[in-house]
Amino acid sequence: MRTCPKGLRMRSVIDSGLRLRSPHGFTLVELLIAMALTLMLVYAVAQFYAYVGETVRDGRAQIEMGNSLRQAASRLQQDFAELTVRVGGRIDSGSGGGVLEIVEGIASDSDPTGSLAVNAQGIPTASIADVNGDGKPDGAMMGDMDDILVMTIRSQGDPFVGRWWGPIPGTNPVQYTYHNVRSDLAEVIWFTTFKDTNGNGSWSADEPRYLVRRQLLIRPDLAVSWPNAPTALPGHESIYHHNDVSCHVVLNSMGVFSGYVANSLNDLSQRENRCIHQNLNNLDLNGLRLAQQFMPNTLQLDVASTKIPSNPIPPPGSVSLYSLDGILQFHGEDKMLSNLMAFDVRVYDPYAPLWADNLNTNANNTALGVLSPGDPGYAFAVFNAISNNVNNNMGSGAYVDLWYNRGFANLPPAMKSIVLRNSNSAYSWAPQARNFPGATVAVWETWTTSYEKDGLDQFGDSQTDLMVDGLDNPPGNGGVDDPSEAETTPPYPVYIGNNGRDDDGQNGVDDPTERDTNIYPIPIPTMLRGIEVRIRMYEPGTRQTRQVTVATDFIPE
């Protein structure tokens, strides 16, 4: 028998072992597990990058909104710092003081639509459309957007620059063109407007809203006109489309419109000369004299008349201060903010009552906050405390809307009586109806003595300049030419029962109940000592909201 050599046998064994241990392919289960792990890793990486991308986008949006709000707030704060007028007391005619005017529309921060529709707790119930796209009504974020600020300012640095339509020197016949002009003085109007996308003439919550600052130079030496100016009214164009110059209407001896005259600082102390009181569509008014025609005039610049039209023709009654798509295609240097949610101007009322928030309490039934006029639930807090004989009054002093008691108009009668009686302060009631007949707005403004010296019977009541006639009118009442003899009065301070309005919504205008100081104590007169402006905007792409507050005081130093 033949035998294999020892070395060969060992190699055979080794070769056989190598063959037994040779590698083999992955099974289907192993491949599926590997693919699942890979997909999980890819998904995690994608989610990480998506999170980083959203964070970067949100951060960029926050930065952009912050920059926009800071710029608007800084400009408003600078305007307050450059105010020309002394706040407190009437402005003497000829002093060249200028003006500060605050217009409070019917809306409020707790009632953005101004509907005054409230539930049994005094909280507005009108829903607001979903503007920011989050699928929820935006009533909690949207606020007061129909307020207006008018002021005259003096530059503390470089002069203000604007455009003027004027003659080209040396041309014969005279030709006109636009010129850049400068002035250290300006009339400034802060207001809101909107894009009327549906063309219905009024604002809807899904229509974009803008904050606008219009600056009109005070240059009384300039002759103002506009291209192809007609001899009658300017039609669908406005002089403010072509001029950044403060001016007012001039009527001829027949009371018919005959042009414009540039304002001086003293002209602007009289309300009929200011931009927002220029009614461009009804200037004749049956030939009434200028002061009679405009001085009692209600505000011309309101929500309906500041809208940006959906077609090239501005609506009737529009002041046409600003237009994104008007006939002349003027764009944007006056626009301060887009995507506006609130421009709320409030005045400081040292006597505004504050009440504990008994709608929101802890386990010990202790209120978690304090409510001031204008806050949702304020009326219920007042009513609940008084009805239950609980002393929940937390003091006084707050920034409030002018005529803030108007927000309680639709409360149940028994509740309204209690709330009004315990919400009595300097700025709670309506301004003098004599100066603002039929107005739904409230106005605070510096007032001028010019109306007491102009020789005009402003209201047709045979009371002409009694404060300067050297007599005591009526005899034995306050002395010769005392302030009670004034023909016109500032809108504030005002007293319930003596302002020509039905403040309590029952029994008629200035009824005996309103004059009963046991029921409605006379508010304590106060000078304006401070203003607070809240500006709120949103970013539609990231659905973020931010707010900034600008405050200034007028306390004498």
Protein backbone atom coordinates (compact mmCIF):
# COMPACT_ATOMS: atom_id res chain seq x y z
CA MET A 1 0.00 0.00 0.00
CA ARG A 2 1.32 3.34 -0.97
CA THR A 3 1.43 6.08 1.62
CA CYS A 4 1.45 9.86 1.12
CA PRO A 5 4.42 11.80 2.23
CA LYS A 6 3.94 13.51 5.57
CA GLY A 7 4.31 17.04 4.16
CA LEU A 8 1.77 16.50 1.46
CA ARG A 9 -0.79 15.22 3.93
CA MET A 10 -0.39 18.25 6.11
CA ARG A 11 -0.86 20.59 3.16
CA SER A 12 -4.02 18.78 2.24
CA VAL A 13 -5.37 19.22 5.72
CA ILE A 14 -4.47 22.90 5.72
CA ASP A 15 -6.00 23.41 2.27
CA SER A 16 -9.13 21.63 3.39
CA GLY A 17 -9.38 23.86 6.49
CA LEU A 18 -8.94 26.97 4.39
CA ARG A 19 -11.72 25.89 2.14
CA LEU A 20 -13.96 25.25 5.12
CA ARG A 21 -13.33 28.80 6.45
CA SER A 22 -13.74 30.68 3.14
CA PRO A 23 -16.01 33.89 3.25
CA HIS A 24 -19.63 33.77 2.11
CA GLY A 25 -22.26 36.54 0.92
CA PHE A 26 -24.77 38.58 3.09
CA THR A 27 -28.18 37.24 3.64
CA LEU A 28 -31.33 39.18 2.63
CA VAL A 29 -32.16 39.94 6.28
CA GLU A 30 -28.71 41.42 6.83
CA LEU A 31 -29.10 43.65 3.77
CA LEU A 32 -32.53 44.90 4.91
CA ILE A 33 -31.19 45.72 8.36
CA ALA A 34 -28.26 47.62 6.86
CA MET A 35 -30.56 49.58 4.56
CA ALA A 36 -32.89 50.48 7.44
CA LEU A 37 -29.98 51.73 9.54
CA THR A 38 -28.69 53.77 6.59
CA LEU A 39 -32.11 55.32 5.97
CA MET A 40 -32.45 56.18 9.65
CA LEU A 41 -29.07 57.89 9.56
CA VAL A 42 -29.96 59.82 6.39
CA TYR A 43 -33.32 60.86 7.91
CA ALA A 44 -31.61 62.04 11.09
CA VAL A 45 -29.12 64.09 9.07
CA ALA A 46 -31.96 65.56 6.97
CA GLN A 47 -33.92 66.45 10.09
CA PHE A 48 -30.86 68.06 11.60
CA TYR A 49 -30.30 70.20 8.52
CA ALA A 50 -34.01 71.08 8.40
CA TYR A 51 -33.90 72.15 12.05
CA VAL A 52 -30.75 74.19 11.44
CA GLY A 53 -32.38 75.77 8.38
CA GLU A 54 -35.56 76.71 10.27
CA THR A 55 -33.52 78.06 13.16
CA VAL A 56 -31.43 80.17 10.82
CA ARG A 57 -34.56 81.38 9.01
CA ASP A 58 -36.30 82.23 12.27
CA GLY A 59 -33.20 83.96 13.57
CA ARG A 60 -32.85 85.99 10.38
CA ALA A 61 -36.53 86.95 10.56
CA GLN A 62 -36.12 88.02 14.19
CA ILE A 63 -33.12 90.13 13.27
CA GLU A 64 -34.93 91.75 10.33
CA MET A 65 -38.06 92.45 12.39
CA GLY A 66 -35.93 93.79 15.22
CA ASN A 67 -34.07 96.10 12.86
CA SER A 68 -37.29 97.36 11.27
CA LEU A 69 -38.94 97.99 14.64
CA ARG A 70 -35.83 99.69 16.03
CA GLN A 71 -35.65 102.03 13.04
CA ALA A 72 -39.33 102.97 13.35
CA ALA A 73 -39.06 103.39 17.13
CA SER A 74 -35.87 105.41 16.85
CA ARG A 75 -37.44 107.76 14.30
CA LEU A 76 -40.53 108.22 16.46
CA GLN A 77 -38.43 108.84 19.56
CA GLN A 78 -36.40 111.40 17.62
CA ASP A 79 -39.59 113.14 16.50
CA PHE A 80 -40.72 113.43 20.11
CA ALA A 81 -37.31 114.84 21.06
CA GLU A 82 -37.56 117.47 18.29
CA LEU A 83 -41.09 118.60 19.13
CA THR A 84 -41.49 122.36 18.75
CA VAL A 85 -44.57 122.88 20.90
CA ARG A 86 -44.80 123.28 24.66
CA VAL A 87 -47.30 120.72 25.93
CA GLY A 88 -49.48 122.33 28.58
CA GLY A 89 -51.95 125.19 28.24
CA ARG A 90 -53.12 126.96 25.11
CA ILE A 91 -50.69 128.15 22.49
CA ASP A 92 -50.63 131.93 22.18
CA SER A 93 -51.31 133.17 18.69
CA GLY A 94 -48.15 134.46 17.08
CA SER A 95 -45.87 132.39 19.30
CA GLY A 96 -45.03 129.99 16.48
CA GLY A 97 -45.42 126.99 18.74
CA GLY A 98 -46.73 124.47 16.24
CA VAL A 99 -48.83 121.46 17.23
CA LEU A 100 -49.07 118.07 18.84
CA GLU A 101 -52.29 116.21 17.96
CA ILE A 102 -53.30 112.69 18.98
CA VAL A 103 -56.19 111.01 17.22
CA GLU A 104 -57.74 107.92 18.81
CA GLY A 105 -59.86 105.92 16.38
CA ILE A 106 -62.72 103.68 17.39
CA ALA A 107 -60.57 100.52 17.58
CA SER A 108 -58.56 99.56 20.64
CA ASP A 109 -55.88 97.03 21.46
CA SER A 110 -58.49 94.72 22.99
CA ASP A 111 -61.07 95.40 20.25
CA PRO A 112 -59.16 95.56 16.93
CA THR A 113 -62.28 95.81 14.77
CA GLY A 114 -63.85 98.58 16.82
CA SER A 115 -67.09 96.60 16.78
CA LEU A 116 -67.69 97.07 20.54
CA ALA A 117 -69.26 93.59 20.49
CA VAL A 118 -68.66 92.11 23.94
CA ASN A 119 -69.78 89.09 25.93
CA ALA A 120 -71.11 89.01 29.48
CA GLN A 121 -67.59 89.44 30.81
CA GLY A 122 -66.96 92.55 28.74
CA ILE A 123 -64.46 90.83 26.46
CA PRO A 124 -64.75 91.53 22.70
CA THR A 125 -66.20 88.57 20.84
CA ALA A 126 -65.68 89.57 17.21
CA SER A 127 -63.29 87.10 15.58
CA ILE A 128 -60.38 88.21 13.46
CA ALA A 129 -59.25 86.39 10.33
CA ASP A 130 -56.15 84.22 10.29
CA VAL A 131 -53.57 86.68 8.98
CA ASN A 132 -50.34 84.92 9.89
CA GLY A 133 -51.39 81.54 8.50
CA ASP A 134 -51.26 79.52 11.70
CA GLY A 135 -54.87 78.35 11.36
CA LYS A 136 -56.09 80.39 14.35
CA PRO A 137 -57.80 83.77 14.65
CA ASP A 138 -55.29 86.54 15.28
CA GLY A 139 -57.42 88.53 17.71
CA ALA A 140 -54.89 88.03 20.47
CA MET A 141 -52.11 89.60 18.43
CA MET A 142 -53.87 92.20 16.31
CA GLY A 143 -54.59 95.47 18.01
CA ASP A 144 -55.29 99.17 17.66
CA MET A 145 -54.35 100.29 14.16
CA ASP A 146 -56.39 103.43 13.49
CA ASP A 147 -54.57 105.99 15.66
CA ILE A 148 -52.81 109.04 14.21
CA LEU A 149 -50.05 111.32 15.48
CA VAL A 150 -49.47 114.83 14.14
CA MET A 151 -46.59 117.00 15.34
CA THR A 152 -44.29 119.80 14.30
CA ILE A 153 -40.59 119.18 14.76
CA ARG A 154 -37.35 121.15 14.49
CA SER A 155 -34.25 119.33 13.26
CA GLN A 156 -31.44 119.03 15.78
CA GLY A 157 -28.97 118.20 13.02
CA ASP A 158 -29.09 118.35 9.25
CA PRO A 159 -32.12 120.04 7.65
CA PHE A 160 -35.03 117.95 6.45
CA VAL A 161 -35.15 117.37 2.69
CA GLY A 162 -38.26 117.09 0.53
CA ARG A 163 -39.62 117.58 -2.98
CA TRP A 164 -41.32 120.70 -4.30
CA TRP A 165 -43.00 121.34 -7.65
CA GLY A 166 -41.75 124.78 -8.59
CA PRO A 167 -40.67 127.03 -11.46
CA ILE A 168 -37.40 126.61 -13.32
CA PRO A 169 -35.44 129.87 -12.93
CA GLY A 170 -34.92 131.85 -16.14
CA THR A 171 -37.57 130.10 -18.23
CA ASN A 172 -40.00 132.20 -20.32
CA PRO A 173 -42.73 131.15 -20.45
CA VAL A 174 -42.28 129.71 -16.98
CA GLN A 175 -41.69 125.97 -16.84
CA TYR A 176 -41.94 123.76 -13.78
CA THR A 177 -40.07 120.79 -12.43
CA TYR A 178 -39.35 119.01 -9.15
CA HIS A 179 -36.79 120.59 -6.82
CA ASN A 180 -35.15 119.30 -3.67
CA VAL A 181 -35.81 121.80 -0.87
CA ARG A 182 -34.67 121.92 2.75
CA SER A 183 -36.04 123.17 6.03
CA ASP A 184 -35.26 122.87 9.72
CA LEU A 185 -39.00 122.61 10.43
CA ALA A 186 -41.54 119.99 9.36
CA GLU A 187 -45.10 118.82 9.93
CA VAL A 188 -45.01 115.06 10.57
CA ILE A 189 -47.96 112.69 10.35
CA TRP A 190 -47.76 109.11 11.63
CA PHE A 191 -50.70 106.99 10.48
CA THR A 192 -51.61 103.57 9.14
CA THR A 193 -52.94 102.54 5.77
CA PHE A 194 -53.75 99.31 3.99
CA LYS A 195 -53.83 97.64 0.60
CA ASP A 196 -57.47 97.34 -0.44
CA THR A 197 -57.06 94.05 -2.27
CA ASN A 198 -60.78 93.28 -2.48
CA GLY A 199 -61.77 96.83 -3.46
CA ASN A 200 -64.59 97.14 -0.94
CA GLY A 201 -63.35 100.43 0.49
CA SER A 202 -62.71 99.17 4.02
CA TRP A 203 -60.02 97.18 5.76
CA SER A 204 -60.31 93.42 6.17
CA ALA A 205 -58.03 91.47 8.47
CA ASP A 206 -56.51 89.55 5.55
CA GLU A 207 -55.42 92.77 3.80
CA PRO A 208 -51.86 93.99 4.45
CA ARG A 209 -51.45 96.97 6.75
CA TYR A 210 -48.63 99.54 6.78
CA LEU A 211 -47.25 102.15 9.15
CA VAL A 212 -46.50 105.42 7.39
CA ARG A 213 -44.61 108.55 8.41
CA ARG A 214 -45.29 111.51 6.13
CA GLN A 215 -42.96 114.50 6.52
CA LEU A 216 -44.03 117.87 5.09
CA LEU A 217 -41.53 120.71 5.17
CA ILE A 218 -42.56 124.02 6.68
CA ARG A 219 -41.55 126.58 4.04
CA PRO A 220 -43.98 129.53 4.04
CA ASP A 221 -41.81 131.25 1.40
CA LEU A 222 -42.71 128.69 -1.30
CA ALA A 223 -45.60 128.91 -3.76
CA VAL A 224 -47.15 125.43 -3.97
CA SER A 225 -48.98 123.91 -6.92
CA TRP A 226 -48.99 120.63 -8.86
CA PRO A 227 -48.45 119.63 -12.51
CA ASN A 228 -51.25 120.69 -14.85
CA ALA A 229 -53.11 122.14 -11.89
CA PRO A 230 -56.77 122.73 -12.82
CA THR A 231 -58.59 125.85 -11.78
CA ALA A 232 -61.05 123.78 -9.74
CA LEU A 233 -60.37 120.92 -7.37
CA PRO A 234 -57.36 118.68 -7.94
CA GLY A 235 -59.61 115.79 -8.86
CA HIS A 236 -58.10 112.38 -8.32
CA GLU A 237 -54.65 113.75 -7.58
CA SER A 238 -53.53 115.51 -4.45
CA ILE A 239 -51.08 118.31 -3.99
CA TYR A 240 -49.31 115.98 -1.55
CA HIS A 241 -48.52 113.62 -4.42
CA HIS A 242 -46.20 116.28 -5.81
CA ASN A 243 -45.06 118.31 -2.81
CA ASP A 244 -43.46 117.48 0.51
CA VAL A 245 -44.54 120.93 1.70
CA SER A 246 -47.06 121.65 4.47
CA CYS A 247 -49.88 123.76 3.05
CA HIS A 248 -53.55 124.62 3.46
CA VAL A 249 -56.52 125.46 1.26
CA VAL A 250 -57.32 129.03 0.28
CA LEU A 251 -60.84 130.12 -0.68
CA ASN A 252 -61.73 133.22 -2.64
CA SER A 253 -64.25 135.83 -1.54
CA MET A 254 -67.08 133.61 -2.79
CA GLY A 255 -65.89 130.72 -0.64
CA VAL A 256 -64.67 128.72 -3.65
CA PHE A 257 -61.38 126.84 -3.75
CA SER A 258 -58.62 128.92 -5.30
CA GLY A 259 -55.41 127.13 -4.42
CA TYR A 260 -53.01 126.37 -1.60
CA VAL A 261 -50.70 128.41 0.62
CA ALA A 262 -47.65 126.96 2.34
CA ASN A 263 -47.96 126.85 6.13
CA SER A 264 -45.87 128.61 8.71
CA LEU A 265 -45.32 127.14 12.16
CA ASN A 266 -47.97 129.49 13.54
CA ASP A 267 -50.47 128.43 10.83
CA LEU A 268 -50.17 124.85 12.06
CA SER A 269 -51.29 125.82 15.55
CA GLN A 270 -54.76 126.16 13.98
CA ARG A 271 -56.28 122.80 13.20
CA GLU A 272 -57.96 123.78 9.92
CA ASN A 273 -54.52 124.36 8.36
CA ARG A 274 -53.09 120.91 9.12
CA CYS A 275 -52.80 118.26 6.48
CA ILE A 276 -55.21 115.77 8.03
CA HIS A 277 -58.01 118.36 8.19
CA GLN A 278 -57.86 119.31 4.52
CA ASN A 279 -61.02 118.02 2.86
CA LEU A 280 -60.01 117.90 -0.80
CA ASN A 281 -63.40 116.83 -2.07
CA ASN A 282 -65.77 119.28 -0.40
CA LEU A 283 -64.11 122.65 -0.08
CA ASP A 284 -67.00 125.02 -0.73
CA LEU A 285 -69.57 123.92 1.84
CA ASN A 286 -72.05 126.58 0.72
CA GLY A 287 -69.57 129.42 1.00
CA LEU A 288 -69.04 129.25 4.76
CA ARG A 289 -66.07 131.17 6.06
CA LEU A 290 -62.81 129.31 6.41
CA ALA A 291 -62.75 129.01 10.20
CA GLN A 292 -66.42 128.08 10.33
CA GLN A 293 -65.92 125.53 7.61
CA PHE A 294 -62.93 123.67 8.95
CA MET A 295 -62.62 124.34 12.67
CA PRO A 296 -65.56 122.14 13.75
CA ASN A 297 -64.74 119.65 11.00
CA THR A 298 -64.44 116.06 12.08
CA LEU A 299 -61.29 114.23 11.15
CA GLN A 300 -60.89 113.76 7.41
CA LEU A 301 -58.08 111.23 7.64
CA ASP A 302 -59.65 108.02 8.93
CA VAL A 303 -59.31 104.33 8.18
CA ALA A 304 -61.55 104.47 5.11
CA SER A 305 -59.78 107.46 3.60
CA THR A 306 -56.18 106.37 4.14
CA LYS A 307 -56.49 103.14 2.24
CA ILE A 308 -54.32 102.36 -0.74
CA PRO A 309 -56.85 101.86 -3.55
CA SER A 310 -57.06 98.61 -5.49
CA ASN A 311 -57.40 100.63 -8.68
CA PRO A 312 -55.63 103.81 -9.81
CA ILE A 313 -58.40 106.17 -8.66
CA PRO A 314 -58.46 107.07 -4.95
CA PRO A 315 -61.86 106.82 -3.28
CA PRO A 316 -64.08 109.86 -2.63
CA GLY A 317 -63.09 111.61 0.55
CA SER A 318 -59.53 110.34 0.41
CA VAL A 319 -56.83 112.73 1.50
CA SER A 320 -54.47 110.67 -0.69
CA LEU A 321 -51.49 111.35 1.51
CA TYR A 322 -49.78 108.19 0.43
CA SER A 323 -50.17 105.71 -2.38
CA LEU A 324 -48.31 102.60 -3.45
CA ASP A 325 -50.16 102.18 -6.74
CA GLY A 326 -51.77 105.52 -7.48
CA ILE A 327 -51.79 107.35 -10.79
CA LEU A 328 -48.26 108.62 -10.30
CA GLN A 329 -46.80 105.32 -9.13
CA PHE A 330 -45.13 106.86 -6.08
CA HIS A 331 -43.39 104.29 -3.93
CA GLY A 332 -42.25 103.77 -0.47
CA GLU A 333 -39.95 106.28 1.16
CA ASP A 334 -42.76 107.18 3.59
CA LYS A 335 -43.53 103.58 4.52
CA MET A 336 -41.98 102.69 7.87
CA LEU A 337 -43.29 99.14 8.41
CA SER A 338 -45.13 96.40 6.56
CA ASN A 339 -47.14 93.57 8.13
CA LEU A 340 -48.36 95.88 10.88
CA MET A 341 -50.47 94.46 13.68
CA ALA A 342 -50.77 97.48 16.01
CA PHE A 343 -49.99 101.19 16.19
CA ASP A 344 -51.54 102.10 19.51
CA VAL A 345 -51.10 105.65 20.85
CA ARG A 346 -51.97 106.05 24.54
CA VAL A 347 -51.86 108.99 26.93
CA TYR A 348 -50.89 108.86 30.59
CA ASP A 349 -53.89 109.20 32.88
CA PRO A 350 -52.81 109.48 36.53
CA TYR A 351 -56.36 108.77 37.70
CA ALA A 352 -57.18 105.71 35.58
CA PRO A 353 -58.43 103.00 38.01
CA LEU A 354 -56.57 99.68 38.13
CA TRP A 355 -58.35 96.47 39.17
CA ALA A 356 -57.24 92.97 40.13
CA ASP A 357 -57.63 90.35 37.41
CA ASN A 358 -60.09 87.97 39.02
CA LEU A 359 -60.51 85.95 35.83
CA ASN A 360 -57.01 84.55 36.33
CA THR A 361 -56.27 83.39 39.88
CA ASN A 362 -54.03 80.88 41.62
CA ALA A 363 -55.03 78.04 43.95
CA ASN A 364 -55.61 80.54 46.76
CA ASN A 365 -57.98 82.54 44.55
CA THR A 366 -55.48 85.40 44.41
CA ALA A 367 -55.45 87.48 41.22
CA LEU A 368 -52.41 86.86 39.03
CA GLY A 369 -52.33 90.32 37.52
CA VAL A 370 -53.65 93.87 37.40
CA LEU A 371 -55.90 95.19 34.64
CA SER A 372 -55.98 98.71 33.29
CA PRO A 373 -58.59 100.28 30.97
CA GLY A 374 -58.34 98.70 27.53
CA ASP A 375 -57.29 95.26 28.77
CA PRO A 376 -59.66 92.37 27.98
CA GLY A 377 -61.66 91.50 31.07
CA TYR A 378 -61.29 94.93 32.68
CA ALA A 379 -65.04 95.58 32.73
CA PHE A 380 -65.74 92.21 34.33
CA ALA A 381 -63.08 92.82 36.99
CA VAL A 382 -64.72 96.11 37.94
CA PHE A 383 -68.23 94.66 37.92
CA ASN A 384 -67.29 91.54 39.87
CA ALA A 385 -65.46 93.48 42.58
CA ILE A 386 -68.24 96.03 43.12
CA SER A 387 -71.06 93.47 42.91
CA ASN A 388 -69.40 91.23 45.48
CA ASN A 389 -68.34 94.14 47.68
CA VAL A 390 -64.68 93.19 47.32
CA ASN A 391 -62.00 95.85 47.41
CA ASN A 392 -60.03 94.82 44.32
CA ASN A 393 -59.00 98.34 43.36
CA MET A 394 -55.21 98.26 43.00
CA GLY A 395 -54.54 101.97 42.66
CA SER A 396 -54.53 104.34 39.72
CA GLY A 397 -52.36 105.57 36.89
CA ALA A 398 -51.95 104.00 33.47
CA TYR A 399 -51.48 104.71 29.80
CA VAL A 400 -54.97 104.65 28.28
CA ASP A 401 -56.80 105.25 25.04
CA LEU A 402 -58.64 108.55 24.81
CA TRP A 403 -62.36 108.08 25.53
CA TYR A 404 -61.74 104.57 26.81
CA ASN A 405 -65.22 104.36 28.36
CA ARG A 406 -66.52 104.05 24.80
CA GLY A 407 -65.38 100.41 24.92
CA PHE A 408 -68.09 99.69 27.50
CA ALA A 409 -70.97 100.96 25.35
CA ASN A 410 -72.53 97.55 24.65
CA LEU A 411 -72.30 96.07 28.13
CA PRO A 412 -75.55 94.94 29.75
CA PRO A 413 -77.23 98.04 31.24
CA ALA A 414 -76.77 97.08 34.90
CA MET A 415 -73.16 96.14 34.33
CA LYS A 416 -72.45 99.24 32.25
CA SER A 417 -73.75 101.56 34.97
CA ILE A 418 -71.39 100.06 37.57
CA VAL A 419 -68.39 99.96 35.25
CA LEU A 420 -68.81 103.55 34.04
CA ARG A 421 -69.31 104.82 37.57
CA ASN A 422 -66.02 103.21 38.63
CA SER A 423 -64.02 104.02 35.50
CA ASN A 424 -64.14 107.76 35.84
CA SER A 425 -60.89 109.58 35.10
CA ALA A 426 -59.39 112.43 33.15
CA TYR A 427 -59.50 110.79 29.72
CA SER A 428 -62.37 108.34 30.15
CA TRP A 429 -65.11 110.45 28.56
CA ALA A 430 -65.68 111.77 25.06
CA PRO A 431 -64.12 115.09 23.95
CA GLN A 432 -66.24 118.19 23.53
CA ALA A 433 -68.84 117.44 20.84
CA ARG A 434 -68.96 121.13 19.96
CA ASN A 435 -65.52 120.94 18.38
CA PHE A 436 -66.03 117.48 16.89
CA PRO A 437 -69.69 117.07 15.92
CA GLY A 438 -70.67 113.52 15.08
CA ALA A 439 -67.11 112.26 15.36
CA THR A 440 -66.42 108.66 16.26
CA VAL A 441 -62.83 109.57 17.07
CA ALA A 442 -61.36 111.21 20.14
CA VAL A 443 -58.71 113.90 19.83
CA TRP A 444 -56.24 115.47 22.20
CA GLU A 445 -54.33 118.45 20.90
CA THR A 446 -52.58 121.61 21.86
CA TRP A 447 -55.05 124.44 21.43
CA THR A 448 -54.52 127.99 20.23
CA THR A 449 -55.85 131.32 21.42
CA SER A 450 -56.15 132.39 17.77
CA TYR A 451 -59.83 131.45 17.71
CA GLU A 452 -60.48 133.94 20.50
CA LYS A 453 -59.03 136.85 18.50
CA ASP A 454 -60.01 136.21 14.87
CA GLY A 455 -63.27 138.21 14.78
CA LEU A 456 -65.25 135.16 13.63
CA ASP A 457 -68.29 133.59 15.19
CA GLN A 458 -67.02 130.02 14.93
CA PHE A 459 -70.30 128.29 15.78
CA GLY A 460 -72.94 130.79 14.74
CA ASP A 461 -74.11 131.34 18.33
CA SER A 462 -73.44 135.11 18.47
CA GLN A 463 -70.51 134.49 20.82
CA THR A 464 -67.57 136.26 19.20
CA ASP A 465 -64.21 136.71 20.94
CA LEU A 466 -65.70 137.29 24.39
CA MET A 467 -62.40 136.45 26.05
CA VAL A 468 -60.73 139.57 24.66
CA ASP A 469 -63.55 142.16 24.77
CA GLY A 470 -62.58 143.64 28.14
CA LEU A 471 -65.88 142.64 29.78
CA ASP A 472 -66.95 140.09 32.36
CA ASN A 473 -69.27 137.75 30.43
CA PRO A 474 -71.63 137.15 32.12
CA PRO A 475 -71.15 139.76 34.83
CA GLY A 476 -69.93 138.45 38.15
CA ASN A 477 -68.66 135.17 36.72
CA GLY A 478 -64.90 134.72 37.12
CA GLY A 479 -63.73 138.22 36.29
CA VAL A 480 -62.93 140.12 33.12
CA ASP A 481 -61.87 137.97 30.15
CA ASP A 482 -61.39 134.83 32.23
CA PRO A 483 -60.89 131.42 30.51
CA SER A 484 -64.58 130.51 30.97
CA GLU A 485 -65.41 133.17 28.35
CA ALA A 486 -63.47 131.35 25.66
CA GLU A 487 -65.42 130.80 22.44
CA THR A 488 -63.67 127.50 21.76
CA THR A 489 -62.31 124.95 24.21
CA PRO A 490 -59.69 122.22 23.90
CA PRO A 491 -61.18 118.73 23.56
CA TYR A 492 -59.68 117.71 26.92
CA PRO A 493 -60.12 117.92 29.85
CA VAL A 494 -63.83 117.29 29.58
CA TYR A 495 -66.65 116.68 32.04
CA ILE A 496 -69.41 114.10 31.72
CA GLY A 497 -72.78 115.81 31.52
CA ASN A 498 -71.30 118.90 29.90
CA ASN A 499 -69.73 117.75 26.65
CA GLY A 500 -72.65 117.44 24.24
CA ARG A 501 -72.63 113.63 24.18
CA ASP A 502 -74.64 110.77 25.62
CA ASP A 503 -71.72 109.34 27.58
CA ASP A 504 -73.63 106.73 29.56
CA GLY A 505 -75.75 105.57 26.61
CA GLN A 506 -79.07 106.21 28.34
CA ASN A 507 -81.54 109.07 28.83
CA GLY A 508 -80.04 111.29 26.14
CA VAL A 509 -77.27 113.85 25.73
CA ASP A 510 -75.98 115.48 28.94
CA ASP A 511 -78.94 114.11 30.90
CA PRO A 512 -79.36 114.86 34.62
CA THR A 513 -77.90 111.48 35.57
CA GLU A 514 -74.65 112.34 33.81
CA ARG A 515 -74.53 115.67 35.62
CA ASP A 516 -75.16 114.04 39.00
CA THR A 517 -71.74 114.07 40.63
CA ASN A 518 -72.96 111.57 43.22
CA ILE A 519 -73.30 109.02 40.42
CA TYR A 520 -70.54 110.12 38.06
CA PRO A 521 -67.97 112.19 39.98
CA ILE A 522 -66.44 114.99 37.96
CA PRO A 523 -63.11 113.79 36.53
CA ILE A 524 -60.04 115.56 37.85
CA PRO A 525 -58.61 117.80 35.13
CA THR A 526 -55.04 116.99 34.22
CA MET A 527 -52.44 118.11 31.73
CA LEU A 528 -50.92 115.61 29.36
CA ARG A 529 -47.81 114.28 31.05
CA GLY A 530 -46.82 111.39 28.81
CA ILE A 531 -47.45 109.38 25.65
CA GLU A 532 -46.84 105.70 25.02
CA VAL A 533 -46.88 104.21 21.51
CA ARG A 534 -46.98 100.44 21.01
CA ILE A 535 -45.92 99.17 17.59
CA ARG A 536 -46.43 95.49 16.76
CA MET A 537 -45.68 93.60 13.55
CA TYR A 538 -45.50 90.02 12.31
CA GLU A 539 -43.38 88.09 9.83
CA PRO A 540 -45.65 85.95 7.61
CA GLY A 541 -42.99 83.47 6.55
CA THR A 542 -42.03 82.41 10.08
CA ARG A 543 -45.29 83.45 11.84
CA GLN A 544 -43.41 85.44 14.44
CA THR A 545 -44.65 88.57 16.20
CA ARG A 546 -42.64 91.30 17.89
CA GLN A 547 -43.53 94.55 19.65
CA VAL A 548 -41.70 97.70 20.64
CA THR A 549 -42.89 100.49 22.94
CA VAL A 550 -41.91 104.14 22.61
CA ALA A 551 -42.68 106.49 25.49
CA THR A 552 -42.02 110.15 26.17
CA ASP A 553 -42.98 112.50 28.97
CA PHE A 554 -43.83 116.19 29.09
CA ILE A 555 -43.01 116.82 32.74
CA PRO A 556 -41.47 120.29 33.12
CA GLU A 557 -37.83 120.13 34.16
